C-alpha atoms as a PDB file:
ATOM      1  CA  MET A   1       0.000   0.000   0.000  1.00  0.00           C
ATOM      2  CA  SER A   2       1.370   3.431  -0.949  1.00  0.00           C
ATOM      3  CA  THR A   3       1.849   6.163   1.598  1.00  0.00           C
ATOM      4  CA  VAL A   4      -1.054   8.638   1.745  1.00  0.00           C
ATOM      5  CA  VAL A   5      -0.466  12.384   2.177  1.00  0.00           C
ATOM      6  CA  ILE A   6      -2.993  14.116   4.433  1.00  0.00           C
ATOM      7  CA  ASN A   7      -3.100  17.899   4.860  1.00  0.00           C
ATOM      8  CA  LYS A   8      -6.150  18.379   7.079  1.00  0.00           C
ATOM      9  CA  ILE A   9      -6.410  17.682  10.811  1.00  0.00           C
ATOM     10  CA  ASP A  10     -10.022  16.483  10.664  1.00  0.00           C
ATOM     11  CA  GLU A  11      -9.249  14.062   7.841  1.00  0.00           C
ATOM     12  CA  LEU A  12      -6.341  12.558   9.752  1.00  0.00           C
ATOM     13  CA  ARG A  13      -8.422  12.291  12.917  1.00  0.00           C
ATOM     14  CA  ASP A  14     -11.094  10.350  11.021  1.00  0.00           C
ATOM     15  CA  ILE A  15      -8.441   7.922   9.769  1.00  0.00           C
ATOM     16  CA  ILE A  16      -6.940   7.491  13.240  1.00  0.00           C
ATOM     17  CA  LYS A  17     -10.392   6.949  14.743  1.00  0.00           C
ATOM     18  CA  ASN A  18     -11.035   4.109  12.316  1.00  0.00           C
ATOM     19  CA  VAL A  19      -7.609   2.606  13.049  1.00  0.00           C
ATOM     20  CA  LYS A  20      -8.272   2.716  16.781  1.00  0.00           C
ATOM     21  CA  LEU A  21     -11.668   1.056  16.314  1.00  0.00           C
ATOM     22  CA  GLN A  22      -9.775  -1.879  14.817  1.00  0.00           C
ATOM     23  CA  ASN A  23      -7.642  -2.064  17.994  1.00  0.00           C
ATOM     24  CA  LYS A  24      -4.519  -1.232  16.029  1.00  0.00           C
ATOM     25  CA  SER A  25      -1.570   0.515  17.642  1.00  0.00           C
ATOM     26  CA  VAL A  26      -0.344   3.837  16.251  1.00  0.00           C
ATOM     27  CA  ALA A  27       3.186   5.246  16.101  1.00  0.00           C
ATOM     28  CA  LEU A  28       4.178   8.793  15.201  1.00  0.00           C
ATOM     29  CA  VAL A  29       7.454  10.185  13.851  1.00  0.00           C
ATOM     30  CA  PRO A  30       7.486  14.001  14.060  1.00  0.00           C
ATOM     31  CA  THR A  31       9.767  15.654  11.471  1.00  0.00           C
ATOM     32  CA  MET A  32      10.241  18.906   9.588  1.00  0.00           C
ATOM     33  CA  GLY A  33      10.708  17.015   6.339  1.00  0.00           C
ATOM     34  CA  CYS A  34      13.729  16.922   4.014  1.00  0.00           C
ATOM     35  CA  LEU A  35      13.873  13.295   5.066  1.00  0.00           C
ATOM     36  CA  HIS A  36      17.215  11.474   5.095  1.00  0.00           C
ATOM     37  CA  GLY A  37      18.630   8.194   6.366  1.00  0.00           C
ATOM     38  CA  GLY A  38      18.331   9.268   9.983  1.00  0.00           C
ATOM     39  CA  HIS A  39      14.626   9.940   9.565  1.00  0.00           C
ATOM     40  CA  LYS A  40      14.241   6.671   7.707  1.00  0.00           C
ATOM     41  CA  SER A  41      15.694   4.786  10.661  1.00  0.00           C
ATOM     42  CA  LEU A  42      13.059   6.407  12.899  1.00  0.00           C
ATOM     43  CA  MET A  43      10.290   5.478  10.481  1.00  0.00           C
ATOM     44  CA  GLU A  44      11.490   1.896  10.168  1.00  0.00           C
ATOM     45  CA  LYS A  45      11.539   1.638  13.946  1.00  0.00           C
ATOM     46  CA  ALA A  46       7.985   3.001  14.104  1.00  0.00           C
ATOM     47  CA  CYS A  47       6.830   0.448  11.538  1.00  0.00           C
ATOM     48  CA  SER A  48       8.394  -2.358  13.563  1.00  0.00           C
ATOM     49  CA  ILE A  49       6.560  -1.445  16.795  1.00  0.00           C
ATOM     50  CA  ALA A  50       3.088  -0.394  15.629  1.00  0.00           C
ATOM     51  CA  ASP A  51       0.312  -1.499  13.314  1.00  0.00           C
ATOM     52  CA  PHE A  52      -0.237   1.950  11.807  1.00  0.00           C
ATOM     53  CA  THR A  53       2.346   4.676  11.325  1.00  0.00           C
ATOM     54  CA  VAL A  54       2.240   8.434  10.755  1.00  0.00           C
ATOM     55  CA  VAL A  55       5.136  10.743   9.929  1.00  0.00           C
ATOM     56  CA  SER A  56       4.492  14.456  10.221  1.00  0.00           C
ATOM     57  CA  VAL A  57       6.211  16.767   7.736  1.00  0.00           C
ATOM     58  CA  PHE A  58       5.827  20.308   9.022  1.00  0.00           C
ATOM     59  CA  VAL A  59       8.361  23.131   9.136  1.00  0.00           C
ATOM     60  CA  ASN A  60       7.247  24.618  12.436  1.00  0.00           C
ATOM     61  CA  PRO A  61       7.608  28.422  12.384  1.00  0.00           C
ATOM     62  CA  ILE A  62       7.333  28.911  16.135  1.00  0.00           C
ATOM     63  CA  GLN A  63      10.516  26.973  16.906  1.00  0.00           C
ATOM     64  CA  PHE A  64      12.676  29.211  14.725  1.00  0.00           C
ATOM     65  CA  CYS A  65      14.297  32.209  16.369  1.00  0.00           C
ATOM     66  CA  PRO A  66      14.682  35.608  14.657  1.00  0.00           C
ATOM     67  CA  GLY A  67      17.364  35.467  11.975  1.00  0.00           C
ATOM     68  CA  GLU A  68      17.248  31.673  11.623  1.00  0.00           C
ATOM     69  CA  ASP A  69      16.635  29.793   8.382  1.00  0.00           C
ATOM     70  CA  TYR A  70      12.853  29.242   8.486  1.00  0.00           C
ATOM     71  CA  ASP A  71      12.240  30.656   4.991  1.00  0.00           C
ATOM     72  CA  GLN A  72      15.236  28.803   3.537  1.00  0.00           C
ATOM     73  CA  TYR A  73      14.609  25.500   5.297  1.00  0.00           C
ATOM     74  CA  PRO A  74      14.286  22.831   2.559  1.00  0.00           C
ATOM     75  CA  ARG A  75      10.771  21.686   1.744  1.00  0.00           C
ATOM     76  CA  THR A  76      10.870  18.478  -0.331  1.00  0.00           C
ATOM     77  CA  LEU A  77       7.512  16.755   0.105  1.00  0.00           C
ATOM     78  CA  ASP A  78       7.633  14.734  -3.129  1.00  0.00           C
ATOM     79  CA  ALA A  79      11.031  13.297  -2.221  1.00  0.00           C
ATOM     80  CA  ASP A  80       9.898  12.825   1.387  1.00  0.00           C
ATOM     81  CA  LYS A  81       6.998  10.672   0.216  1.00  0.00           C
ATOM     82  CA  LEU A  82       9.409   8.318  -1.555  1.00  0.00           C
ATOM     83  CA  VAL A  83      11.494   7.943   1.607  1.00  0.00           C
ATOM     84  CA  ALA A  84       8.397   7.367   3.742  1.00  0.00           C
ATOM     85  CA  GLU A  85       7.059   4.766   1.322  1.00  0.00           C
ATOM     86  CA  SER A  86      10.385   2.926   1.311  1.00  0.00           C
ATOM     87  CA  ALA A  87      10.218   2.765   5.113  1.00  0.00           C
ATOM     88  CA  GLY A  88       6.638   1.439   5.095  1.00  0.00           C
ATOM     89  CA  ILE A  89       4.865   4.501   6.529  1.00  0.00           C
ATOM     90  CA  ASP A  90       1.076   4.580   6.167  1.00  0.00           C
ATOM     91  CA  VAL A  91       0.389   8.331   6.319  1.00  0.00           C
ATOM     92  CA  ILE A  92       2.335  11.548   5.881  1.00  0.00           C
ATOM     93  CA  PHE A  93       0.669  14.398   7.754  1.00  0.00           C
ATOM     94  CA  ALA A  94       1.748  17.578   5.960  1.00  0.00           C
ATOM     95  CA  PRO A  95      -0.422  20.453   7.195  1.00  0.00           C
ATOM     96  CA  SER A  96      -0.100  24.102   6.228  1.00  0.00           C
ATOM     97  CA  VAL A  97       0.920  26.678   8.809  1.00  0.00           C
ATOM     98  CA  ASN A  98      -2.642  28.002   8.830  1.00  0.00           C
ATOM     99  CA  GLU A  99      -3.991  24.500   9.457  1.00  0.00           C
ATOM    100  CA  MET A 100      -1.778  24.105  12.518  1.00  0.00           C
ATOM    101  CA  TYR A 101      -2.000  27.708  13.743  1.00  0.00           C
ATOM    102  CA  PRO A 102      -5.205  29.301  12.386  1.00  0.00           C
ATOM    103  CA  ASN A 103      -4.972  33.077  12.046  1.00  0.00           C
ATOM    104  CA  LEU A 104      -1.638  33.231  13.837  1.00  0.00           C
ATOM    105  CA  ASN A 105      -0.454  36.827  13.679  1.00  0.00           C
ATOM    106  CA  LYS A 106       2.095  36.806  16.464  1.00  0.00           C
ATOM    107  CA  PHE A 107       3.354  34.167  18.857  1.00  0.00           C
ATOM    108  CA  SER A 108       1.896  36.022  21.839  1.00  0.00           C
ATOM    109  CA  ASP A 109      -1.571  35.056  20.554  1.00  0.00           C
ATOM    110  CA  LEU A 110      -0.790  31.361  20.954  1.00  0.00           C
ATOM    111  CA  THR A 111      -1.055  29.117  24.004  1.00  0.00           C
ATOM    112  CA  MET A 112       2.429  27.656  24.420  1.00  0.00           C
ATOM    113  CA  VAL A 113       3.920  24.674  26.242  1.00  0.00           C
ATOM    114  CA  ALA A 114       7.098  25.731  28.034  1.00  0.00           C
ATOM    115  CA  PRO A 115       9.751  23.376  29.477  1.00  0.00           C
ATOM    116  CA  PRO A 116      11.556  24.216  32.749  1.00  0.00           C
ATOM    117  CA  TYR A 117      13.924  27.158  32.437  1.00  0.00           C
ATOM    118  CA  GLU A 118      16.845  25.361  34.099  1.00  0.00           C
ATOM    119  CA  LEU A 119      16.714  22.667  31.400  1.00  0.00           C
ATOM    120  CA  THR A 120      16.674  25.144  28.517  1.00  0.00           C
ATOM    121  CA  ASP A 121      19.208  27.691  29.768  1.00  0.00           C
ATOM    122  CA  ILE A 122      21.947  25.353  28.542  1.00  0.00           C
ATOM    123  CA  MET A 123      23.086  23.980  25.194  1.00  0.00           C
ATOM    124  CA  CYS A 124      20.707  24.710  22.305  1.00  0.00           C
ATOM    125  CA  GLY A 125      18.150  26.400  24.519  1.00  0.00           C
ATOM    126  CA  LYS A 126      20.607  29.035  25.711  1.00  0.00           C
ATOM    127  CA  SER A 127      21.407  30.339  22.237  1.00  0.00           C
ATOM    128  CA  ARG A 128      17.962  29.654  20.749  1.00  0.00           C
ATOM    129  CA  VAL A 129      15.742  31.351  23.314  1.00  0.00           C
ATOM    130  CA  GLY A 130      12.147  30.139  22.977  1.00  0.00           C
ATOM    131  CA  HIS A 131      13.072  27.327  20.573  1.00  0.00           C
ATOM    132  CA  PHE A 132      11.982  24.528  22.876  1.00  0.00           C
ATOM    133  CA  ASP A 133       8.715  26.307  23.706  1.00  0.00           C
ATOM    134  CA  GLY A 134       7.947  26.033  19.997  1.00  0.00           C
ATOM    135  CA  VAL A 135       9.080  22.406  19.861  1.00  0.00           C
ATOM    136  CA  GLU A 136       7.007  21.291  22.841  1.00  0.00           C
ATOM    137  CA  THR A 137       3.966  23.217  21.608  1.00  0.00           C
ATOM    138  CA  VAL A 138       3.963  21.646  18.149  1.00  0.00           C
ATOM    139  CA  VAL A 139       4.696  18.174  19.545  1.00  0.00           C
ATOM    140  CA  THR A 140       1.792  18.555  21.981  1.00  0.00           C
ATOM    141  CA  LYS A 141      -0.469  19.495  19.082  1.00  0.00           C
ATOM    142  CA  LEU A 142       0.734  16.503  17.056  1.00  0.00           C
ATOM    143  CA  PHE A 143       0.172  14.179  20.013  1.00  0.00           C
ATOM    144  CA  ASN A 144      -3.379  15.501  20.392  1.00  0.00           C
ATOM    145  CA  ILE A 145      -4.088  15.179  16.668  1.00  0.00           C
ATOM    146  CA  VAL A 146      -2.568  11.738  16.059  1.00  0.00           C
ATOM    147  CA  GLN A 147      -3.184  10.155  19.506  1.00  0.00           C
ATOM    148  CA  PRO A 148      -0.204   7.793  19.074  1.00  0.00           C
ATOM    149  CA  ASP A 149       0.622   4.947  21.402  1.00  0.00           C
ATOM    150  CA  LYS A 150       4.327   5.425  20.678  1.00  0.00           C
ATOM    151  CA  ALA A 151       6.436   8.228  19.214  1.00  0.00           C
ATOM    152  CA  CYS A 152       9.982   7.931  17.859  1.00  0.00           C
ATOM    153  CA  PHE A 153      12.605  10.651  18.360  1.00  0.00           C
ATOM    154  CA  GLY A 154      16.246  10.634  17.331  1.00  0.00           C
ATOM    155  CA  MET A 155      19.118  10.950  19.762  1.00  0.00           C
ATOM    156  CA  LYS A 156      20.926  13.517  17.615  1.00  0.00           C
ATOM    157  CA  ASP A 157      18.587  16.139  19.086  1.00  0.00           C
ATOM    158  CA  ILE A 158      19.473  14.898  22.558  1.00  0.00           C
ATOM    159  CA  GLN A 159      18.207  17.940  24.492  1.00  0.00           C
ATOM    160  CA  GLN A 160      14.917  17.827  22.596  1.00  0.00           C
ATOM    161  CA  LEU A 161      14.554  14.119  23.376  1.00  0.00           C
ATOM    162  CA  PHE A 162      15.112  14.680  27.097  1.00  0.00           C
ATOM    163  CA  LEU A 163      12.608  17.558  27.214  1.00  0.00           C
ATOM    164  CA  ILE A 164       9.945  15.619  25.279  1.00  0.00           C
ATOM    165  CA  LYS A 165      10.308  12.632  27.613  1.00  0.00           C
ATOM    166  CA  LYS A 166       9.961  14.935  30.621  1.00  0.00           C
ATOM    167  CA  MET A 167       6.929  16.688  29.108  1.00  0.00           C
ATOM    168  CA  VAL A 168       5.201  13.365  28.468  1.00  0.00           C
ATOM    169  CA  ALA A 169       5.826  12.283  32.062  1.00  0.00           C
ATOM    170  CA  ASP A 170       4.909  15.629  33.640  1.00  0.00           C
ATOM    171  CA  LEU A 171       1.707  16.114  31.618  1.00  0.00           C
ATOM    172  CA  ASN A 172       0.606  12.466  31.736  1.00  0.00           C
ATOM    173  CA  PHE A 173       0.508  11.789  28.016  1.00  0.00           C
ATOM    174  CA  PRO A 174      -0.339   8.089  27.508  1.00  0.00           C
ATOM    175  CA  ILE A 175       2.494   7.788  24.990  1.00  0.00           C
ATOM    176  CA  GLU A 176       5.716   5.802  25.048  1.00  0.00           C
ATOM    177  CA  ILE A 177       8.686   7.792  23.757  1.00  0.00           C
ATOM    178  CA  ILE A 178      11.101   5.606  21.779  1.00  0.00           C
ATOM    179  CA  PRO A 179      14.667   6.982  21.621  1.00  0.00           C
ATOM    180  CA  CYS A 180      16.403   6.016  18.376  1.00  0.00           C
ATOM    181  CA  PRO A 181      20.175   6.009  17.787  1.00  0.00           C
ATOM    182  CA  LEU A 182      21.939   8.887  16.056  1.00  0.00           C
ATOM    183  CA  VAL A 183      22.733   7.980  12.433  1.00  0.00           C
ATOM    184  CA  ARG A 184      25.951   9.107  10.754  1.00  0.00           C
ATOM    185  CA  GLU A 185      27.293   9.350   7.252  1.00  0.00           C
ATOM    186  CA  GLU A 186      30.073   6.891   6.461  1.00  0.00           C
ATOM    187  CA  SER A 187      32.515   9.726   7.147  1.00  0.00           C
ATOM    188  CA  GLY A 188      31.222  10.093  10.708  1.00  0.00           C
ATOM    189  CA  LEU A 189      29.291  13.324  10.172  1.00  0.00           C
ATOM    190  CA  ALA A 190      25.899  13.214  11.887  1.00  0.00           C
ATOM    191  CA  LEU A 191      23.080  13.099   9.328  1.00  0.00           C
ATOM    192  CA  SER A 192      21.183  16.374   9.151  1.00  0.00           C
ATOM    193  CA  SER A 193      18.831  18.087   6.718  1.00  0.00           C
ATOM    194  CA  ARG A 194      21.202  21.061   6.889  1.00  0.00           C
ATOM    195  CA  ASN A 195      24.204  19.068   5.621  1.00  0.00           C
ATOM    196  CA  LYS A 196      23.110  19.855   2.064  1.00  0.00           C
ATOM    197  CA  TYR A 197      24.015  23.495   2.729  1.00  0.00           C
ATOM    198  CA  LEU A 198      27.675  22.569   3.228  1.00  0.00           C
ATOM    199  CA  SER A 199      30.225  23.081   0.457  1.00  0.00           C
ATOM    200  CA  ASP A 200      32.888  20.413  -0.048  1.00  0.00           C
ATOM    201  CA  SER A 201      35.418  22.418   1.963  1.00  0.00           C
ATOM    202  CA  ASP A 202      32.832  23.147   4.667  1.00  0.00           C
ATOM    203  CA  LYS A 203      32.072  19.446   4.918  1.00  0.00           C
ATOM    204  CA  THR A 204      35.742  18.686   5.475  1.00  0.00           C
ATOM    205  CA  SER A 205      35.781  21.168   8.336  1.00  0.00           C
ATOM    206  CA  ALA A 206      32.469  19.848   9.701  1.00  0.00           C
ATOM    207  CA  LEU A 207      33.918  16.353   9.941  1.00  0.00           C
ATOM    208  CA  THR A 208      36.126  17.565  12.788  1.00  0.00           C
ATOM    209  CA  ILE A 209      32.997  18.048  14.926  1.00  0.00           C
ATOM    210  CA  SER A 210      32.434  14.300  15.185  1.00  0.00           C
ATOM    211  CA  LYS A 211      36.220  13.786  15.294  1.00  0.00           C
ATOM    212  CA  ALA A 212      36.356  15.987  18.402  1.00  0.00           C
ATOM    213  CA  LEU A 213      33.556  14.034  20.079  1.00  0.00           C
ATOM    214  CA  PHE A 214      35.144  10.691  19.244  1.00  0.00           C
ATOM    215  CA  ALA A 215      38.464  11.922  20.649  1.00  0.00           C
ATOM    216  CA  ILE A 216      36.710  12.909  23.883  1.00  0.00           C
ATOM    217  CA  ARG A 217      35.025   9.506  24.077  1.00  0.00           C
ATOM    218  CA  ASP A 218      38.292   7.679  23.410  1.00  0.00           C
ATOM    219  CA  SER A 219      40.115   9.737  26.033  1.00  0.00           C
ATOM    220  CA  PHE A 220      37.359   9.017  28.528  1.00  0.00           C
ATOM    221  CA  LYS A 221      37.682   5.281  27.851  1.00  0.00           C
ATOM    222  CA  LEU A 222      41.410   5.583  28.494  1.00  0.00           C
ATOM    223  CA  GLY A 223      40.702   6.928  31.951  1.00  0.00           C
ATOM    224  CA  ILE A 224      40.534  10.704  31.627  1.00  0.00           C
ATOM    225  CA  LYS A 225      37.553  11.768  33.773  1.00  0.00           C
ATOM    226  CA  ASP A 226      38.410  15.441  34.295  1.00  0.00           C
ATOM    227  CA  VAL A 227      35.924  17.608  32.382  1.00  0.00           C
ATOM    228  CA  LYS A 228      38.408  20.407  31.670  1.00  0.00           C
ATOM    229  CA  LYS A 229      40.912  17.956  30.166  1.00  0.00           C
ATOM    230  CA  LEU A 230      38.207  16.335  28.027  1.00  0.00           C
ATOM    231  CA  PHE A 231      37.032  19.776  26.899  1.00  0.00           C
ATOM    232  CA  ASP A 232      40.568  20.629  25.809  1.00  0.00           C
ATOM    233  CA  VAL A 233      40.815  17.331  23.912  1.00  0.00           C
ATOM    234  CA  GLY A 234      37.723  18.331  21.967  1.00  0.00           C
ATOM    235  CA  LEU A 235      38.987  21.818  21.177  1.00  0.00           C
ATOM    236  CA  THR A 236      42.308  20.569  19.830  1.00  0.00           C
ATOM    237  CA  ASN A 237      40.488  18.412  17.279  1.00  0.00           C
ATOM    238  CA  LEU A 238      38.249  21.156  15.853  1.00  0.00           C
ATOM    239  CA  ASP A 239      39.172  22.738  12.535  1.00  0.00           C
ATOM    240  CA  LYS A 240      39.880  26.485  12.595  1.00  0.00           C
ATOM    241  CA  ASN A 241      36.853  27.069  10.350  1.00  0.00           C
ATOM    242  CA  VAL A 242      34.498  25.557  12.942  1.00  0.00           C
ATOM    243  CA  GLU A 243      32.818  28.325  14.940  1.00  0.00           C
ATOM    244  CA  LEU A 244      32.038  26.711  18.290  1.00  0.00           C
ATOM    245  CA  GLU A 245      28.742  27.626  19.938  1.00  0.00           C
ATOM    246  CA  TYR A 246      29.051  25.220  22.844  1.00  0.00           C
ATOM    247  CA  LEU A 247      30.760  22.049  23.983  1.00  0.00           C
ATOM    248  CA  GLU A 248      28.997  20.947  27.151  1.00  0.00           C
ATOM    249  CA  PHE A 249      28.790  17.970  29.465  1.00  0.00           C
ATOM    250  CA  VAL A 250      25.464  17.120  31.159  1.00  0.00           C
ATOM    251  CA  CYS A 251      24.292  14.215  33.310  1.00  0.00           C
ATOM    252  CA  GLU A 252      22.429  11.681  31.203  1.00  0.00           C
ATOM    253  CA  ASP A 253      19.704  11.109  33.803  1.00  0.00           C
ATOM    254  CA  SER A 254      19.022  14.712  34.881  1.00  0.00           C
ATOM    255  CA  PHE A 255      20.517  16.909  32.158  1.00  0.00           C
ATOM    256  CA  LYS A 256      22.246  18.899  34.893  1.00  0.00           C
ATOM    257  CA  LYS A 257      25.281  20.718  33.536  1.00  0.00           C
ATOM    258  CA  ILE A 258      28.660  19.476  34.745  1.00  0.00           C
ATOM    259  CA  ASP A 259      31.181  22.204  35.595  1.00  0.00           C
ATOM    260  CA  SER A 260      34.607  22.262  34.025  1.00  0.00           C
ATOM    261  CA  SER A 261      36.168  21.678  37.453  1.00  0.00           C
ATOM    262  CA  ASP A 262      34.227  18.449  38.007  1.00  0.00           C
ATOM    263  CA  THR A 263      35.225  14.827  37.547  1.00  0.00           C
ATOM    264  CA  ILE A 264      32.839  12.478  35.724  1.00  0.00           C
ATOM    265  CA  THR A 265      31.492   9.732  37.982  1.00  0.00           C
ATOM    266  CA  LYS A 266      28.331   8.644  36.109  1.00  0.00           C
ATOM    267  CA  ASN A 267      26.999   8.512  32.565  1.00  0.00           C
ATOM    268  CA  VAL A 268      27.352  11.859  30.826  1.00  0.00           C
ATOM    269  CA  ILE A 269      26.256  13.331  27.514  1.00  0.00           C
ATOM    270  CA  CYS A 270      28.909  15.336  25.705  1.00  0.00           C
ATOM    271  CA  ALA A 271      27.118  17.610  23.231  1.00  0.00           C
ATOM    272  CA  ILE A 272      28.313  20.157  20.721  1.00  0.00           C
ATOM    273  CA  ALA A 273      26.854  22.846  18.495  1.00  0.00           C
ATOM    274  CA  ALA A 274      28.918  24.730  15.950  1.00  0.00           C
ATOM    275  CA  ARG A 275      28.645  26.661  12.721  1.00  0.00           C
ATOM    276  CA  VAL A 276      30.531  25.808   9.573  1.00  0.00           C
ATOM    277  CA  GLY A 277      30.098  28.142   6.614  1.00  0.00           C
ATOM    278  CA  GLY A 278      27.114  29.652   8.408  1.00  0.00           C
ATOM    279  CA  VAL A 279      25.430  26.247   8.833  1.00  0.00           C
ATOM    280  CA  ARG A 280      24.537  25.294  12.396  1.00  0.00           C
ATOM    281  CA  LEU A 281      25.281  21.644  13.230  1.00  0.00           C
ATOM    282  CA  ILE A 282      24.773  19.603  16.401  1.00  0.00           C
ATOM    283  CA  ASP A 283      26.149  16.272  17.546  1.00  0.00           C
ATOM    284  CA  ASN A 284      26.734  14.305  20.729  1.00  0.00           C
ATOM    285  CA  VAL A 285      28.210  11.184  22.279  1.00  0.00           C
ATOM    286  CA  ILE A 286      27.437   9.429  25.555  1.00  0.00           C
ATOM    287  CA  LEU A 287      30.306   8.784  27.964  1.00  0.00           C
ATOM    288  CA  GLU A 288      29.365   5.614  29.822  1.00  0.00           C
ATOM    289  CA  VAL A 289      30.938   4.924  33.195  1.00  0.00           C
END
């Protein structure tokens, strides 16, 4: 059966209602489209754990900060449908902005879902103020529209994953969040829809982002537990054309930031954000004790 593209909320709700009447389980994969191998791995996971699967393709305007690439963000629905079909997805939900946010003139008109400040005043949330409010709001809307039993999120967006899991627990959504492994190109570069913006020379520089993380992980395995020393290991592996936004260490279980003077005693996420040729990239590794 080919993948069906649905643009209207009511139409999708009617389909989901019929699916639920048949006692079938539903899985959702929220995306902004421009689907690549990382997204495909999420969709394949969804298809393996549920009877009926939905992938949303929606470039969400309220999670973009002023000056970011909302207008330039790639929109490739025809190509996305081919990827979704190859993964076995039943429905692509591709609403318009007006369908998701009727008559939205300014964000202050919209009821928002906001994560705790102390969990967003670090990493991506610190430089992208309000970003995770937009993420949690659109994900809440998608959960209410699709009513999934399970939802798959990638571990590349590790802060997003943690905040979504916390939101689901705090707000009592009857949904199981399925974390899915980060997928890399053969070179080691984390797959991203924004990779297509990189020139050949930019891509060479960008490869040092994952190289820096791997060097930190290898040093940790060799016994270096001091955060400052691990930070320095990362810096020495970054190309001069990589503009570092952050390189931070947070506890895996609480997302509490670890100070540079600390020593790692339990599982930690080492996460990075950087710009190469104006393209913002993120990546992370987990340091397991």
